Amino acid sequence: MRTMIVLHSLSDEQIQSIQLKASDWRIICGDDKGAWLPHLQEAEIICGWKPEIAEQCLSGDTKLKWVQAWGAGVEKLPLEELNQHGILVTTASGVHPIPTSETVFAMMLSFSRKVHHSVRNQVNKRWQPTSNLGEIHGKTIGIVGVGAIGAEIARLAKAFEMNVLGVRRTGYSSANVDQMFDIHGLRNVLEESDYVVVTTPLTNQTRHMFSWEQFRVMKRSAYYINIGRGGTTHTEALIAALQGGEIAGAGLDVFEQEPLPVDNPLWDMDNVIITPHNGGITDQYHNRAVEILLINLGSYLEGKEPTLNLVNLIEQY
């Protein structure tokens, strides 16, 4: 019997929808290691990822043919080994645009209306009206990485009558983006933006793409928001830019080291908003991930490659 392992706890309805699609398969589902660990070497499809998979499925002969990642990023997967074994990888890209874009606007609105200051005052029961309140209406937002998440951010930005600049590898235009640039236009975007939002995946090309030079060319009144991957940002350069007033503040959901160490200066900065890498989490997560799985599973069972969010293992995304 062909075996699929889902390394997450799903509802009975979600499991049933998978079983209906693959009626003659054995579906093992749950986050309890004891349930799925004994069956790893039998698995043809694995949804999610754990280090044990590499240990048992990427040495010698393997039955594993396809990994459906349960997130959008694949930087934690052994992509080279998966490629060597001819194992397909797809992601759950498409789950995250709504919650992640809402996280971005929560941060931008907090900075403009100083909500984060009021929350801190509330903790200390201190009545202190905040001055210098601003608006995001009419401001310029620069979105670095206009994929599905960046496109949703751009759509919402238009509701606030923002000027939207975008950066994507191809430079191809996108709906709701007023001006699109390829990576060579990044400096122009940084110089003009009031909010710089980074959504790019972590690859060899994007690692530390935001460092000393990039923060120096941003407006001193600009805010930097990273909801992509922590490794795209040089942490020391960001801290120096914040301490030196080169930028006005930062909203950070991702970090080079996670959890963020307790002695990191970012914790104590009143112009920084920190969320613990949960910007894409939503109560609709598993529903959307299962929908993506079912689309790809339908193709796979027909003997075709699953094409929705298929990862180029050489390009790393």
Protein backbone atom coordinates (compact mmCIF):
# COMPACT_ATOMS: atom_id res chain seq x y z
CA MET A 1 0.00 0.00 0.00
CA ARG A 2 1.30 3.46 -0.91
CA THR A 3 1.92 5.71 2.07
CA MET A 4 1.56 9.44 2.69
CA ILE A 5 2.64 11.08 5.93
CA VAL A 6 1.28 14.45 7.06
CA LEU A 7 3.38 15.80 9.92
CA HIS A 8 0.63 18.04 11.28
CA SER A 9 -2.54 17.54 13.29
CA LEU A 10 -5.50 18.06 10.98
CA SER A 11 -9.22 17.95 11.59
CA ASP A 12 -11.20 14.83 10.77
CA GLU A 13 -12.77 16.68 7.85
CA GLN A 14 -9.38 17.66 6.45
CA ILE A 15 -8.03 14.12 6.77
CA GLN A 16 -11.15 12.76 5.09
CA SER A 17 -10.71 15.10 2.13
CA ILE A 18 -7.18 13.76 1.61
CA GLN A 19 -8.31 10.16 2.00
CA LEU A 20 -11.10 10.65 -0.55
CA LYS A 21 -8.56 11.91 -3.07
CA ALA A 22 -6.14 9.03 -2.35
CA SER A 23 -8.64 6.35 -1.41
CA ASP A 24 -6.28 3.39 -1.71
CA TRP A 25 -3.41 5.06 0.18
CA ARG A 26 -2.47 4.77 3.81
CA ILE A 27 -2.61 8.28 5.29
CA ILE A 28 -0.68 8.80 8.53
CA CYS A 29 -1.41 12.17 10.07
CA GLY A 30 -0.37 13.97 13.24
CA ASP A 31 2.46 15.74 14.99
CA ASP A 32 3.14 12.79 17.32
CA LYS A 33 6.52 11.37 16.27
CA GLY A 34 5.55 7.94 17.49
CA ALA A 35 2.79 7.74 14.88
CA TRP A 36 4.84 8.52 11.78
CA LEU A 37 8.48 7.77 12.60
CA PRO A 38 8.17 3.98 12.07
CA HIS A 39 6.72 4.56 8.60
CA LEU A 40 9.17 7.11 7.18
CA GLN A 41 11.02 4.66 4.96
CA GLU A 42 7.72 3.55 3.44
CA ALA A 43 6.51 7.07 2.64
CA GLU A 44 6.12 8.12 -0.98
CA ILE A 45 4.74 11.55 -0.07
CA ILE A 46 5.58 13.57 3.04
CA CYS A 47 3.76 16.76 3.94
CA GLY A 48 5.90 18.95 6.17
CA TRP A 49 9.50 18.42 7.21
CA LYS A 50 11.49 17.09 10.15
CA PRO A 51 15.24 16.33 10.46
CA GLU A 52 14.40 12.63 10.82
CA ILE A 53 13.25 12.59 7.19
CA ALA A 54 16.74 13.35 5.92
CA GLU A 55 18.22 10.71 8.21
CA GLN A 56 15.91 7.93 7.02
CA CYS A 57 14.85 8.92 3.51
CA LEU A 58 17.91 10.49 1.90
CA SER A 59 20.41 7.68 2.26
CA GLY A 60 20.56 4.88 -0.27
CA ASP A 61 17.35 3.79 -1.94
CA THR A 62 14.28 5.74 -0.94
CA LYS A 63 10.58 5.47 -1.73
CA LEU A 64 10.14 9.19 -1.19
CA LYS A 65 9.08 10.96 -4.38
CA TRP A 66 7.53 14.23 -3.26
CA VAL A 67 7.72 16.61 -0.30
CA GLN A 68 4.85 19.05 0.13
CA ALA A 69 6.28 21.68 2.46
CA TRP A 70 3.78 23.13 4.91
CA GLY A 71 5.29 26.62 4.70
CA ALA A 72 6.39 28.97 1.95
CA GLY A 73 10.14 28.87 2.64
CA VAL A 74 12.42 25.93 1.90
CA GLU A 75 15.72 27.19 3.28
CA LYS A 76 15.66 24.58 6.06
CA LEU A 77 15.30 21.67 3.64
CA PRO A 78 18.36 19.82 2.29
CA LEU A 79 17.64 20.96 -1.25
CA GLU A 80 20.83 19.59 -2.78
CA GLU A 81 20.23 16.10 -1.42
CA LEU A 82 16.59 16.18 -2.44
CA ASN A 83 17.66 17.18 -5.93
CA GLN A 84 20.20 14.36 -6.09
CA HIS A 85 17.48 11.85 -5.29
CA GLY A 86 15.08 13.38 -7.80
CA ILE A 87 12.55 14.21 -5.09
CA LEU A 88 10.03 16.91 -5.99
CA VAL A 89 9.36 19.74 -3.55
CA THR A 90 6.32 22.00 -3.50
CA THR A 91 5.43 24.66 -0.96
CA ALA A 92 2.35 26.06 0.72
CA SER A 93 2.82 29.45 -0.89
CA GLY A 94 -0.62 30.99 -1.10
CA VAL A 95 -1.53 30.30 2.51
CA HIS A 96 0.19 33.43 3.73
CA PRO A 97 -0.80 36.54 1.72
CA ILE A 98 -3.81 37.49 3.88
CA PRO A 99 -2.34 37.05 7.39
CA THR A 100 1.10 38.34 6.40
CA SER A 101 -0.22 41.44 4.66
CA GLU A 102 -2.40 42.16 7.70
CA THR A 103 0.71 41.87 9.88
CA VAL A 104 2.50 44.40 7.67
CA PHE A 105 -0.34 46.91 7.92
CA ALA A 106 -0.66 46.34 11.66
CA MET A 107 2.98 47.38 11.97
CA MET A 108 2.74 50.34 9.60
CA LEU A 109 -0.40 51.67 11.27
CA SER A 110 1.14 51.16 14.69
CA PHE A 111 4.16 53.21 13.68
CA SER A 112 2.12 56.01 12.11
CA ARG A 113 -0.37 56.22 15.00
CA LYS A 114 2.23 55.31 17.70
CA VAL A 115 0.01 52.50 18.97
CA HIS A 116 3.05 50.57 20.19
CA HIS A 117 3.91 53.50 22.48
CA SER A 118 0.39 53.59 23.88
CA VAL A 119 0.47 49.85 24.55
CA ARG A 120 3.71 50.25 26.49
CA ASN A 121 2.20 53.13 28.46
CA GLN A 122 -0.87 51.02 29.20
CA VAL A 123 1.29 48.29 30.73
CA ASN A 124 2.65 50.92 33.13
CA LYS A 125 -0.81 52.55 33.68
CA ARG A 126 0.57 55.82 32.38
CA TRP A 127 -1.71 58.38 30.70
CA GLN A 128 0.58 60.04 28.19
CA PRO A 129 -0.95 61.48 25.02
CA THR A 130 1.32 60.82 22.05
CA SER A 131 2.43 63.67 19.83
CA ASN A 132 3.70 63.67 16.23
CA LEU A 133 1.08 61.25 15.00
CA GLY A 134 1.13 60.63 11.28
CA GLU A 135 -0.84 58.91 8.54
CA ILE A 136 0.04 56.26 6.00
CA HIS A 137 -2.38 57.74 3.44
CA GLY A 138 -0.43 59.16 0.53
CA LYS A 139 2.90 57.74 1.67
CA THR A 140 5.21 55.64 -0.49
CA ILE A 141 5.65 51.95 0.21
CA GLY A 142 8.48 49.97 -1.35
CA ILE A 143 7.79 46.23 -1.55
CA VAL A 144 10.92 44.16 -2.07
CA GLY A 145 9.78 40.81 -3.41
CA VAL A 146 6.48 41.16 -5.23
CA GLY A 147 5.20 37.59 -5.19
CA ALA A 148 1.82 36.52 -3.85
CA ILE A 149 2.35 38.24 -0.50
CA GLY A 150 3.81 41.38 -2.03
CA ALA A 151 0.93 41.59 -4.49
CA GLU A 152 -1.62 41.45 -1.65
CA ILE A 153 0.28 44.15 0.25
CA ALA A 154 0.19 46.31 -2.87
CA ARG A 155 -3.56 45.77 -3.26
CA LEU A 156 -4.24 46.84 0.31
CA ALA A 157 -1.88 49.79 0.00
CA LYS A 158 -4.08 51.25 -2.71
CA ALA A 159 -6.96 51.41 -0.21
CA PHE A 160 -4.76 53.86 1.71
CA GLU A 161 -3.97 55.80 -1.48
CA MET A 162 -0.31 54.92 -1.15
CA ASN A 163 2.26 55.20 -3.91
CA VAL A 164 3.49 51.65 -4.47
CA LEU A 165 6.99 50.82 -5.66
CA GLY A 166 8.04 47.22 -6.20
CA VAL A 167 11.17 45.16 -6.70
CA ARG A 168 11.13 41.71 -8.25
CA ARG A 169 13.80 39.63 -9.92
CA THR A 170 12.22 39.84 -13.38
CA GLY A 171 11.16 43.47 -13.14
CA TYR A 172 7.81 42.52 -14.71
CA SER A 173 4.87 44.76 -13.86
CA SER A 174 2.20 43.75 -11.35
CA ALA A 175 -1.31 45.00 -10.57
CA ASN A 176 -1.44 47.84 -8.01
CA VAL A 177 2.32 48.51 -8.28
CA ASP A 178 2.87 51.99 -9.70
CA GLN A 179 6.52 51.40 -10.60
CA MET A 180 8.28 48.06 -10.76
CA PHE A 181 12.05 47.61 -10.76
CA ASP A 182 14.44 44.70 -10.98
CA ILE A 183 17.16 44.35 -8.35
CA HIS A 184 19.23 47.09 -10.02
CA GLY A 185 16.52 49.58 -9.09
CA LEU A 186 16.56 48.70 -5.39
CA ARG A 187 18.47 51.86 -4.47
CA ASN A 188 15.84 54.04 -6.16
CA VAL A 189 13.09 52.33 -4.19
CA LEU A 190 14.93 52.69 -0.88
CA GLU A 191 15.60 56.39 -1.46
CA GLU A 192 11.92 57.16 -2.17
CA SER A 193 10.05 54.88 0.25
CA ASP A 194 8.51 55.85 3.58
CA TYR A 195 8.00 52.15 4.37
CA VAL A 196 10.27 49.41 3.03
CA VAL A 197 8.66 45.98 3.25
CA VAL A 198 10.77 42.88 2.61
CA THR A 199 9.01 39.66 1.58
CA THR A 200 11.81 37.87 -0.27
CA PRO A 201 12.78 34.25 0.39
CA LEU A 202 16.26 33.43 1.66
CA THR A 203 18.59 32.28 -1.11
CA ASN A 204 22.28 32.63 -1.82
CA GLN A 205 21.42 35.81 -3.74
CA THR A 206 19.23 37.41 -1.06
CA ARG A 207 21.31 36.66 2.03
CA HIS A 208 22.22 40.02 3.66
CA MET A 209 20.77 41.95 0.73
CA PHE A 210 19.91 44.56 3.38
CA SER A 211 23.10 45.70 5.03
CA TRP A 212 25.03 48.87 5.81
CA GLU A 213 24.73 50.47 2.37
CA GLN A 214 20.99 49.83 2.01
CA PHE A 215 20.10 51.35 5.38
CA ARG A 216 22.27 54.39 4.68
CA VAL A 217 20.33 55.31 1.53
CA MET A 218 16.90 55.02 3.15
CA LYS A 219 15.10 58.11 4.41
CA ARG A 220 15.81 58.91 8.05
CA SER A 221 12.02 59.04 8.48
CA ALA A 222 11.48 55.61 6.88
CA TYR A 223 10.47 52.36 8.54
CA TYR A 224 11.90 48.96 7.67
CA ILE A 225 9.58 45.94 7.89
CA ASN A 226 10.82 42.39 7.36
CA ILE A 227 8.27 39.60 7.17
CA GLY A 228 10.24 37.44 4.72
CA ARG A 229 13.30 35.73 6.16
CA GLY A 230 15.70 36.96 8.83
CA GLY A 231 18.78 36.05 6.84
CA THR A 232 18.02 38.69 4.21
CA THR A 233 18.99 41.32 6.81
CA HIS A 234 22.41 41.95 8.33
CA THR A 235 21.43 42.24 11.98
CA GLU A 236 24.37 44.35 13.14
CA ALA A 237 23.83 46.80 10.30
CA LEU A 238 20.14 47.11 11.17
CA ILE A 239 20.88 47.70 14.86
CA ALA A 240 23.45 50.36 13.95
CA ALA A 241 20.99 52.07 11.59
CA LEU A 242 18.34 52.18 14.31
CA GLN A 243 20.74 53.38 17.00
CA GLY A 244 22.22 56.00 14.69
CA GLY A 245 18.89 57.37 13.50
CA GLU A 246 19.54 56.38 9.90
CA ILE A 247 16.02 54.96 9.80
CA ALA A 248 13.01 55.78 12.00
CA GLY A 249 12.13 52.27 13.13
CA ALA A 250 11.69 48.63 12.24
CA GLY A 251 8.91 46.05 12.35
CA LEU A 252 10.44 42.59 12.51
CA ASP A 253 8.76 39.21 12.36
CA VAL A 254 11.87 37.26 11.32
CA PHE A 255 15.47 37.22 12.53
CA GLU A 256 18.83 35.72 11.65
CA GLN A 257 18.78 33.87 14.96
CA GLU A 258 15.46 32.58 16.23
CA PRO A 259 14.36 32.84 18.96
CA LEU A 260 15.88 36.31 19.18
CA PRO A 261 18.46 36.20 22.03
CA VAL A 262 17.34 37.98 25.19
CA ASP A 263 20.45 40.18 25.13
CA ASN A 264 19.81 41.47 21.62
CA PRO A 265 19.51 45.31 21.66
CA LEU A 266 16.41 45.18 19.45
CA TRP A 267 14.30 44.12 22.44
CA ASP A 268 14.88 47.43 24.23
CA MET A 269 14.33 49.83 21.34
CA ASP A 270 11.07 51.78 21.53
CA ASN A 271 11.11 52.28 17.75
CA VAL A 272 11.06 48.53 17.07
CA ILE A 273 8.07 46.18 16.94
CA ILE A 274 8.92 42.50 17.36
CA THR A 275 6.66 39.57 16.58
CA PRO A 276 7.91 35.96 17.02
CA HIS A 277 7.82 34.76 13.40
CA ASN A 278 4.05 34.38 13.44
CA GLY A 279 3.17 36.92 10.77
CA GLY A 280 1.79 34.22 8.48
CA ILE A 281 -0.08 32.25 11.13
CA THR A 282 -3.85 32.16 10.88
CA ASP A 283 -6.73 29.99 12.02
CA GLN A 284 -7.26 29.26 8.32
CA TYR A 285 -3.73 27.90 7.82
CA HIS A 286 -4.42 24.17 7.60
CA ASN A 287 -7.54 24.68 5.47
CA ARG A 288 -5.53 26.57 2.86
CA ALA A 289 -2.54 24.22 3.04
CA VAL A 290 -4.79 21.21 2.50
CA GLU A 291 -6.40 22.91 -0.52
CA ILE A 292 -2.95 23.34 -2.06
CA LEU A 293 -2.04 19.73 -1.22
CA LEU A 294 -5.22 18.41 -2.85
CA ILE A 295 -4.56 20.29 -6.08
CA ASN A 296 -1.02 18.91 -6.30
CA LEU A 297 -2.14 15.46 -5.18
CA GLY A 298 -4.66 15.32 -8.00
CA SER A 299 -1.89 15.90 -10.54
CA TYR A 300 0.43 13.42 -8.83
CA LEU A 301 -2.15 10.63 -8.83
CA GLU A 302 -2.64 11.18 -12.55
CA GLY A 303 1.06 10.51 -13.07
CA LYS A 304 1.93 14.17 -13.58
CA GLU A 305 4.30 16.44 -11.67
CA PRO A 306 2.60 18.56 -9.00
CA THR A 307 3.08 22.03 -10.44
CA LEU A 308 1.47 24.36 -7.89
CA ASN A 309 4.39 26.03 -6.06
CA LEU A 310 6.92 23.61 -7.50
CA VAL A 311 10.37 24.55 -6.19
CA ASN A 312 13.38 24.92 -8.48
CA LEU A 313 15.87 23.11 -6.26
CA ILE A 314 18.81 24.80 -8.00
CA GLU A 315 17.42 28.33 -7.61
CA GLN A 316 16.21 27.48 -4.06
CA TYR A 317 12.67 28.84 -4.52
